[in-house]
């Protein structure tokens, strides 16, 4: 039995080594989105989904297929435990679609179990490309309805809000989760980093005060609107102005927002509006400035938004003009 336990431990350890590093490493950077929430997902995968043994009937030197374990789970009809054990085994092998199917059956038997619902949301998100939008988000809300202090549900709810760029809500959920864990734990450190990032993005999208005009590392911008698009303006429209690297990843380095007013609009964009503390605007050789008018007020581009961008310019340039002259398809 000791030898068997050692073999199973090695198998499960190897599975985690395959699953966790892709979450821990940053994904290809999307605009304005950091990789830190993926680290939180890695911690949740390690601690939130304890792996069951791969099979009751396996013997040392005769490792049978996972299908045997699935059959064993179905041999105990009507139990959530069997489906959860099967789902955890699929997770160990990276078969998230199969794991989600097993968790769905378990959730049908335990519809008010916050842990089952939160784990189901996590696995389903992995099965659909690490995206929480849609059914995973609804499962997270059900978990919170069942237990408003459930750690994993709060952490995932923060990620749901972060994906939709509701940074204030994301910060709120992560702060609630942070209060539930030891202050010096790795999970707490990861959550504090996420809270800090959400706070920075919330401030930037809420209109942080512009840097002083005398700041030599700031862009002095004039935003103009093409006459042909004047008729598309509506009361309550929002102007977003952001800078991204001229070369390489298209992440946003700095951004601000303000209500649409009289044209042309003059703004200053510098390190005070930074979205990437480790990569300030002043450290770039050249940037591209993007201006967008949004009717919805959402930070992410939406069909019908009005767009314009500059040619590559120095982050300390003055008198940079950006013409908004096209419509987001």
Protein backbone atom coordinates (compact mmCIF):
# COMPACT_ATOMS: atom_id res chain seq x y z
CA UNK A 1 0.00 0.00 0.00
CA UNK A 2 2.85 2.38 0.76
CA UNK A 3 4.32 1.74 -2.67
CA UNK A 4 0.90 2.28 -4.26
CA UNK A 5 0.44 5.54 -2.38
CA UNK A 6 3.86 6.71 -3.56
CA UNK A 7 2.98 5.96 -7.21
CA UNK A 8 -0.33 7.80 -6.95
CA UNK A 9 1.34 10.78 -5.26
CA UNK A 10 3.92 10.97 -8.05
CA UNK A 11 1.19 10.78 -10.71
CA UNK A 12 -0.85 13.52 -9.10
CA UNK A 13 2.21 15.67 -8.51
CA UNK A 14 3.09 15.38 -12.17
CA UNK A 15 -0.43 16.34 -13.15
CA UNK A 16 -0.25 19.49 -11.05
CA UNK A 17 3.10 20.36 -12.61
CA UNK A 18 1.35 20.31 -15.99
CA UNK A 19 -1.73 22.21 -14.84
CA UNK A 20 -0.39 24.95 -12.57
CA UNK A 21 2.55 26.45 -14.57
CA UNK A 22 0.36 27.58 -17.50
CA UNK A 23 -1.81 29.44 -14.98
CA UNK A 24 1.17 30.85 -13.11
CA UNK A 25 2.87 32.15 -16.24
CA UNK A 26 1.40 35.31 -17.75
CA UNK A 27 -0.80 34.79 -20.78
CA UNK A 28 -0.16 36.81 -23.87
CA UNK A 29 -0.94 40.28 -22.57
CA UNK A 30 -4.34 41.64 -23.50
CA UNK A 31 -4.90 45.36 -23.52
CA UNK A 32 -4.59 46.69 -20.02
CA UNK A 33 -4.93 43.30 -18.39
CA UNK A 34 -2.35 41.91 -15.99
CA UNK A 35 -1.55 38.31 -15.40
CA UNK A 36 -1.94 38.35 -11.62
CA UNK A 37 -5.52 36.91 -11.51
CA UNK A 38 -4.16 33.80 -13.23
CA UNK A 39 -1.79 33.32 -10.25
CA UNK A 40 -4.76 33.42 -7.94
CA UNK A 41 -6.39 30.75 -10.10
CA UNK A 42 -3.26 28.62 -9.72
CA UNK A 43 -3.44 28.83 -5.92
CA UNK A 44 -7.13 27.97 -6.05
CA UNK A 45 -6.43 24.96 -8.24
CA UNK A 46 -3.80 23.70 -5.78
CA UNK A 47 -5.83 24.22 -2.62
CA UNK A 48 -9.41 24.25 -3.87
CA UNK A 49 -9.50 21.02 -5.84
CA UNK A 50 -7.92 18.29 -3.71
CA UNK A 51 -7.31 15.33 -5.99
CA UNK A 52 -8.88 11.95 -5.27
CA UNK A 53 -7.10 8.63 -5.91
CA UNK A 54 -7.14 7.51 -9.54
CA UNK A 55 -8.90 4.23 -8.80
CA UNK A 56 -9.81 1.79 -6.05
CA UNK A 57 -8.96 -1.32 -8.00
CA UNK A 58 -5.53 -0.30 -9.33
CA UNK A 59 -2.56 -2.34 -8.19
CA UNK A 60 1.15 -1.53 -8.34
CA UNK A 61 2.52 -2.25 -11.80
CA UNK A 62 -0.96 -2.41 -13.35
CA UNK A 63 -2.17 1.16 -13.81
CA UNK A 64 -5.53 0.76 -15.56
CA UNK A 65 -7.22 3.43 -17.65
CA UNK A 66 -9.15 6.24 -16.04
CA UNK A 67 -12.32 4.76 -17.51
CA UNK A 68 -12.21 2.12 -14.80
CA UNK A 69 -12.46 4.86 -12.17
CA UNK A 70 -15.38 6.43 -14.04
CA UNK A 71 -17.16 3.11 -14.03
CA UNK A 72 -16.55 2.79 -10.29
CA UNK A 73 -18.12 6.20 -9.70
CA UNK A 74 -21.18 5.28 -11.73
CA UNK A 75 -21.44 2.00 -9.87
CA UNK A 76 -22.62 4.05 -6.86
CA UNK A 77 -25.62 5.78 -8.43
CA UNK A 78 -27.17 8.81 -6.77
CA UNK A 79 -24.05 9.95 -4.89
CA UNK A 80 -22.33 13.28 -5.42
CA UNK A 81 -19.12 11.88 -3.94
CA UNK A 82 -18.67 9.45 -6.82
CA UNK A 83 -19.07 12.18 -9.44
CA UNK A 84 -16.70 14.51 -7.57
CA UNK A 85 -14.06 11.78 -7.34
CA UNK A 86 -14.38 11.16 -11.06
CA UNK A 87 -14.20 14.89 -11.81
CA UNK A 88 -11.05 15.34 -9.72
CA UNK A 89 -9.39 12.49 -11.57
CA UNK A 90 -10.19 14.14 -14.89
CA UNK A 91 -8.75 17.41 -13.57
CA UNK A 92 -5.54 15.57 -12.71
CA UNK A 93 -5.25 14.56 -16.36
CA UNK A 94 -6.20 17.96 -17.73
CA UNK A 95 -9.51 16.68 -19.18
CA UNK A 96 -11.58 19.67 -18.10
CA UNK A 97 -14.59 19.04 -20.34
CA UNK A 98 -15.02 15.58 -18.86
CA UNK A 99 -14.43 17.00 -15.39
CA UNK A 100 -17.12 19.64 -15.96
CA UNK A 101 -19.60 16.92 -16.98
CA UNK A 102 -18.90 15.05 -13.75
CA UNK A 103 -19.22 18.23 -11.66
CA UNK A 104 -22.52 19.03 -13.32
CA UNK A 105 -23.93 15.72 -12.11
CA UNK A 106 -22.60 16.40 -8.60
CA UNK A 107 -24.12 19.92 -8.62
CA UNK A 108 -27.49 18.47 -9.57
CA UNK A 109 -27.32 16.35 -6.43
CA UNK A 110 -25.95 19.19 -4.25
CA UNK A 111 -27.53 22.34 -5.71
CA UNK A 112 -26.88 24.44 -2.59
CA UNK A 113 -23.33 23.30 -1.82
CA UNK A 114 -21.13 26.40 -2.24
CA UNK A 115 -17.93 24.36 -2.60
CA UNK A 116 -19.38 22.12 -5.31
CA UNK A 117 -20.73 25.14 -7.19
CA UNK A 118 -17.49 27.14 -6.94
CA UNK A 119 -15.38 24.16 -8.04
CA UNK A 120 -17.82 23.51 -10.90
CA UNK A 121 -17.46 27.15 -12.03
CA UNK A 122 -13.66 26.87 -11.90
CA UNK A 123 -13.54 23.64 -13.90
CA UNK A 124 -16.11 24.88 -16.44
CA UNK A 125 -14.08 28.06 -16.95
CA UNK A 126 -10.99 25.95 -17.65
CA UNK A 127 -13.02 23.89 -20.14
CA UNK A 128 -14.01 27.05 -22.05
CA UNK A 129 -10.57 28.54 -22.34
CA UNK A 130 -10.16 30.00 -18.84
CA UNK A 131 -13.13 32.35 -19.33
CA UNK A 132 -15.63 32.85 -16.52
CA UNK A 133 -18.28 34.67 -18.55
CA UNK A 134 -21.62 32.92 -18.93
CA UNK A 135 -22.49 29.82 -16.94
CA UNK A 136 -19.35 29.88 -14.72
CA UNK A 137 -20.28 33.40 -13.57
CA UNK A 138 -23.81 32.27 -12.76
CA UNK A 139 -22.46 29.33 -10.79
CA UNK A 140 -20.21 31.68 -8.80
CA UNK A 141 -23.22 33.80 -7.89
CA UNK A 142 -25.14 30.71 -6.79
CA UNK A 143 -22.20 29.73 -4.59
CA UNK A 144 -22.19 33.16 -2.97
CA UNK A 145 -25.94 33.00 -2.46
CA UNK A 146 -25.39 29.73 -0.59
CA UNK A 147 -22.40 31.03 1.41
CA UNK A 148 -21.50 34.75 1.18
CA UNK A 149 -18.18 34.07 2.96
CA UNK A 150 -17.01 31.24 0.73
CA UNK A 151 -13.35 31.97 -0.06
CA UNK A 152 -13.14 30.45 -3.50
CA UNK A 153 -16.50 31.86 -4.59
CA UNK A 154 -15.38 35.36 -3.54
CA UNK A 155 -12.06 35.00 -5.36
CA UNK A 156 -13.79 33.81 -8.53
CA UNK A 157 -16.42 36.56 -8.27
CA UNK A 158 -13.56 39.05 -8.28
CA UNK A 159 -12.19 37.45 -11.44
CA UNK A 160 -15.65 37.56 -13.07
CA UNK A 161 -15.86 41.30 -12.37
CA UNK A 162 -12.27 41.83 -13.52
CA UNK A 163 -12.97 40.09 -16.84
CA UNK A 164 -15.87 42.49 -17.44
CA UNK A 165 -13.64 45.44 -16.43
CA UNK A 166 -15.75 46.24 -13.37
CA UNK A 167 -12.65 46.95 -11.31
CA UNK A 168 -14.48 48.42 -8.33
CA UNK A 169 -16.53 45.24 -7.92
CA UNK A 170 -13.45 43.06 -8.42
CA UNK A 171 -11.61 44.96 -5.70
CA UNK A 172 -14.57 44.58 -3.35
CA UNK A 173 -14.81 40.80 -3.78
CA UNK A 174 -11.05 40.31 -3.36
CA UNK A 175 -10.97 42.47 -0.25
CA UNK A 176 -13.72 40.32 1.26
CA UNK A 177 -11.76 37.19 0.38
CA UNK A 178 -8.55 38.70 1.75
CA UNK A 179 -10.20 39.12 5.16
CA UNK A 180 -10.74 35.35 5.35
CA UNK A 181 -7.13 34.16 4.93
CA UNK A 182 -4.00 34.49 7.10
CA UNK A 183 -2.31 37.80 6.39
CA UNK A 184 1.10 36.25 5.63
CA UNK A 185 -0.15 33.38 3.46
CA UNK A 186 0.74 33.08 -0.23
CA UNK A 187 -2.95 33.35 -1.12
CA UNK A 188 -3.19 36.62 0.81
CA UNK A 189 -0.14 38.03 -0.99
CA UNK A 190 -1.61 37.10 -4.35
CA UNK A 191 -4.95 38.67 -3.46
CA UNK A 192 -3.31 41.87 -2.21
CA UNK A 193 -1.55 42.18 -5.56
CA UNK A 194 -4.88 41.75 -7.35
CA UNK A 195 -6.57 44.33 -5.11
CA UNK A 196 -3.78 46.81 -5.85
CA UNK A 197 -4.05 46.26 -9.60
CA UNK A 198 -7.84 46.58 -9.58
CA UNK A 199 -7.53 49.79 -7.56
CA UNK A 200 -5.08 51.28 -10.10
CA UNK A 201 -7.32 50.40 -13.03
CA UNK A 202 -10.41 51.70 -11.23
CA UNK A 203 -8.66 55.02 -10.64
CA UNK A 204 -7.39 55.26 -14.21
CA UNK A 205 -10.81 54.53 -15.71
CA UNK A 206 -12.41 56.96 -13.28
CA UNK A 207 -10.33 59.89 -14.44
CA UNK A 208 -7.18 60.34 -12.39
CA UNK A 209 -6.05 63.97 -12.34
CA UNK A 210 -3.81 64.78 -15.25
CA UNK A 211 -0.12 65.26 -14.69
CA UNK A 212 1.06 68.87 -14.53
CA UNK A 213 1.76 70.46 -17.90
CA UNK A 214 5.35 71.04 -16.81
CA UNK A 215 5.97 67.28 -16.50
CA UNK A 216 8.50 66.61 -19.26
CA UNK A 217 7.57 62.89 -19.34
CA UNK A 218 3.92 63.55 -20.23
CA UNK A 219 2.18 63.68 -23.59
CA UNK A 220 0.39 66.96 -24.39
CA UNK A 221 -2.51 65.88 -26.60
CA UNK A 222 -5.19 67.53 -28.69
CA UNK A 223 -8.10 65.23 -29.53
CA UNK A 224 -10.20 66.24 -32.53
CA UNK A 225 -13.40 64.77 -34.00
CA UNK A 226 -13.92 64.41 -37.75
CA UNK A 227 -16.86 66.62 -38.91
CA UNK A 228 -18.53 63.61 -40.55
CA UNK A 229 -18.90 61.95 -37.13
CA UNK A 230 -20.30 64.95 -35.25
CA UNK A 231 -23.87 63.74 -35.77
CA UNK A 232 -23.08 60.48 -33.96
CA UNK A 233 -22.41 62.19 -30.62
CA UNK A 234 -25.00 61.83 -27.88
CA UNK A 235 -25.39 63.27 -24.37
CA UNK A 236 -23.52 61.18 -21.83
CA UNK A 237 -20.84 59.92 -24.23
CA UNK A 238 -17.45 59.22 -22.65
CA UNK A 239 -14.01 59.96 -24.07
CA UNK A 240 -11.23 57.45 -23.36
CA UNK A 241 -7.61 58.30 -24.14
CA UNK A 242 -4.87 55.68 -23.78
CA UNK A 243 -1.27 55.02 -24.83
CA UNK A 244 0.23 51.69 -25.85
CA UNK A 245 3.69 50.64 -27.07
CA UNK A 246 4.36 51.40 -30.72
CA UNK A 247 5.96 47.96 -31.09
CA UNK A 248 5.23 44.58 -29.53
CA UNK A 249 2.44 43.79 -27.09
CA UNK A 250 -0.66 45.99 -27.38
CA UNK A 251 -1.17 46.44 -23.64
CA UNK A 252 -2.30 49.82 -22.38
CA UNK A 253 0.42 51.72 -20.53
CA UNK A 254 -1.62 54.72 -19.37
CA UNK A 255 -5.23 55.84 -19.74
CA UNK A 256 -7.80 58.40 -18.66
CA UNK A 257 -11.49 59.06 -19.23
CA UNK A 258 -13.70 62.14 -19.13
CA UNK A 259 -17.11 63.26 -20.37
CA UNK A 260 -17.28 64.42 -23.97
CA UNK A 261 -17.33 68.21 -24.17
CA UNK A 262 -16.36 70.93 -26.62
CA UNK A 263 -13.90 70.11 -29.40
CA UNK A 264 -10.96 70.00 -29.67
CA UNK A 265 -10.19 68.36 -26.30
CA UNK A 266 -6.79 69.01 -24.71
CA UNK A 267 -5.47 66.47 -22.21
CA UNK A 268 -2.15 65.39 -20.71
CA UNK A 269 -1.21 61.72 -20.42
CA UNK A 270 1.80 60.61 -18.38
CA UNK A 271 3.04 58.36 -15.62
CA UNK A 272 0.36 59.69 -13.27
CA UNK A 273 -2.17 57.73 -15.36
CA UNK A 274 -0.02 54.60 -15.54
CA UNK A 275 -1.75 51.22 -15.68
CA UNK A 276 1.51 49.25 -15.56
CA UNK A 277 3.65 50.36 -12.58
CA UNK A 278 6.46 48.09 -13.71
CA UNK A 279 6.38 49.66 -17.18
CA UNK A 280 5.83 53.43 -16.95
CA UNK A 281 4.95 55.47 -19.99
CA UNK A 282 8.13 57.51 -19.59
CA UNK A 283 10.23 54.39 -20.10
CA UNK A 284 8.99 53.77 -23.65
CA UNK A 285 10.84 54.90 -26.74
CA UNK A 286 7.66 55.44 -28.78
CA UNK A 287 3.97 55.02 -28.09
CA UNK A 288 0.71 55.18 -30.03
CA UNK A 289 -2.14 57.23 -28.56
CA UNK A 290 -5.66 55.86 -29.02
CA UNK A 291 -8.78 57.99 -28.50
CA UNK A 292 -12.26 56.48 -28.31
CA UNK A 293 -15.75 57.87 -27.72
CA UNK A 294 -18.00 55.36 -25.98
CA UNK A 295 -21.76 55.67 -25.68
CA UNK A 296 -21.92 52.81 -23.14
CA UNK A 297 -19.14 54.19 -20.94
CA UNK A 298 -17.43 50.79 -20.90
CA UNK A 299 -13.64 50.64 -20.86
CA UNK A 300 -13.52 47.92 -23.53
CA UNK A 301 -14.25 48.79 -27.20
CA UNK A 302 -17.84 48.22 -28.31
CA UNK A 303 -19.40 48.18 -31.79
CA UNK A 304 -20.37 51.72 -32.75
CA UNK A 305 -17.64 53.44 -30.72
CA UNK A 306 -15.78 56.25 -32.49
CA UNK A 307 -12.03 55.70 -32.81
CA UNK A 308 -8.82 57.44 -33.74
CA UNK A 309 -5.11 56.96 -33.14
CA UNK A 310 -1.85 58.78 -33.58
CA UNK A 311 1.30 57.85 -35.40
CA UNK A 312 4.15 56.60 -33.14
CA UNK A 313 5.34 59.47 -30.95
CA UNK A 314 7.73 60.07 -28.07
CA UNK A 315 6.07 59.79 -24.62
CA UNK A 316 7.34 63.31 -23.89
CA UNK A 317 6.01 64.85 -27.12
CA UNK A 318 3.99 68.06 -27.08
CA UNK A 319 1.25 69.15 -29.47
CA UNK A 320 0.31 65.61 -30.52
CA UNK A 321 -2.95 65.60 -32.47
CA UNK A 322 -5.30 62.59 -32.57
CA UNK A 323 -8.20 62.62 -35.05
CA UNK A 324 -11.22 60.44 -34.25
CA UNK A 325 -12.32 59.50 -37.73
CA UNK A 326 -13.71 55.96 -37.84
CA UNK A 327 -16.37 53.72 -36.29
CA UNK A 328 -15.67 50.53 -34.36
CA UNK A 329 -17.12 47.65 -36.42
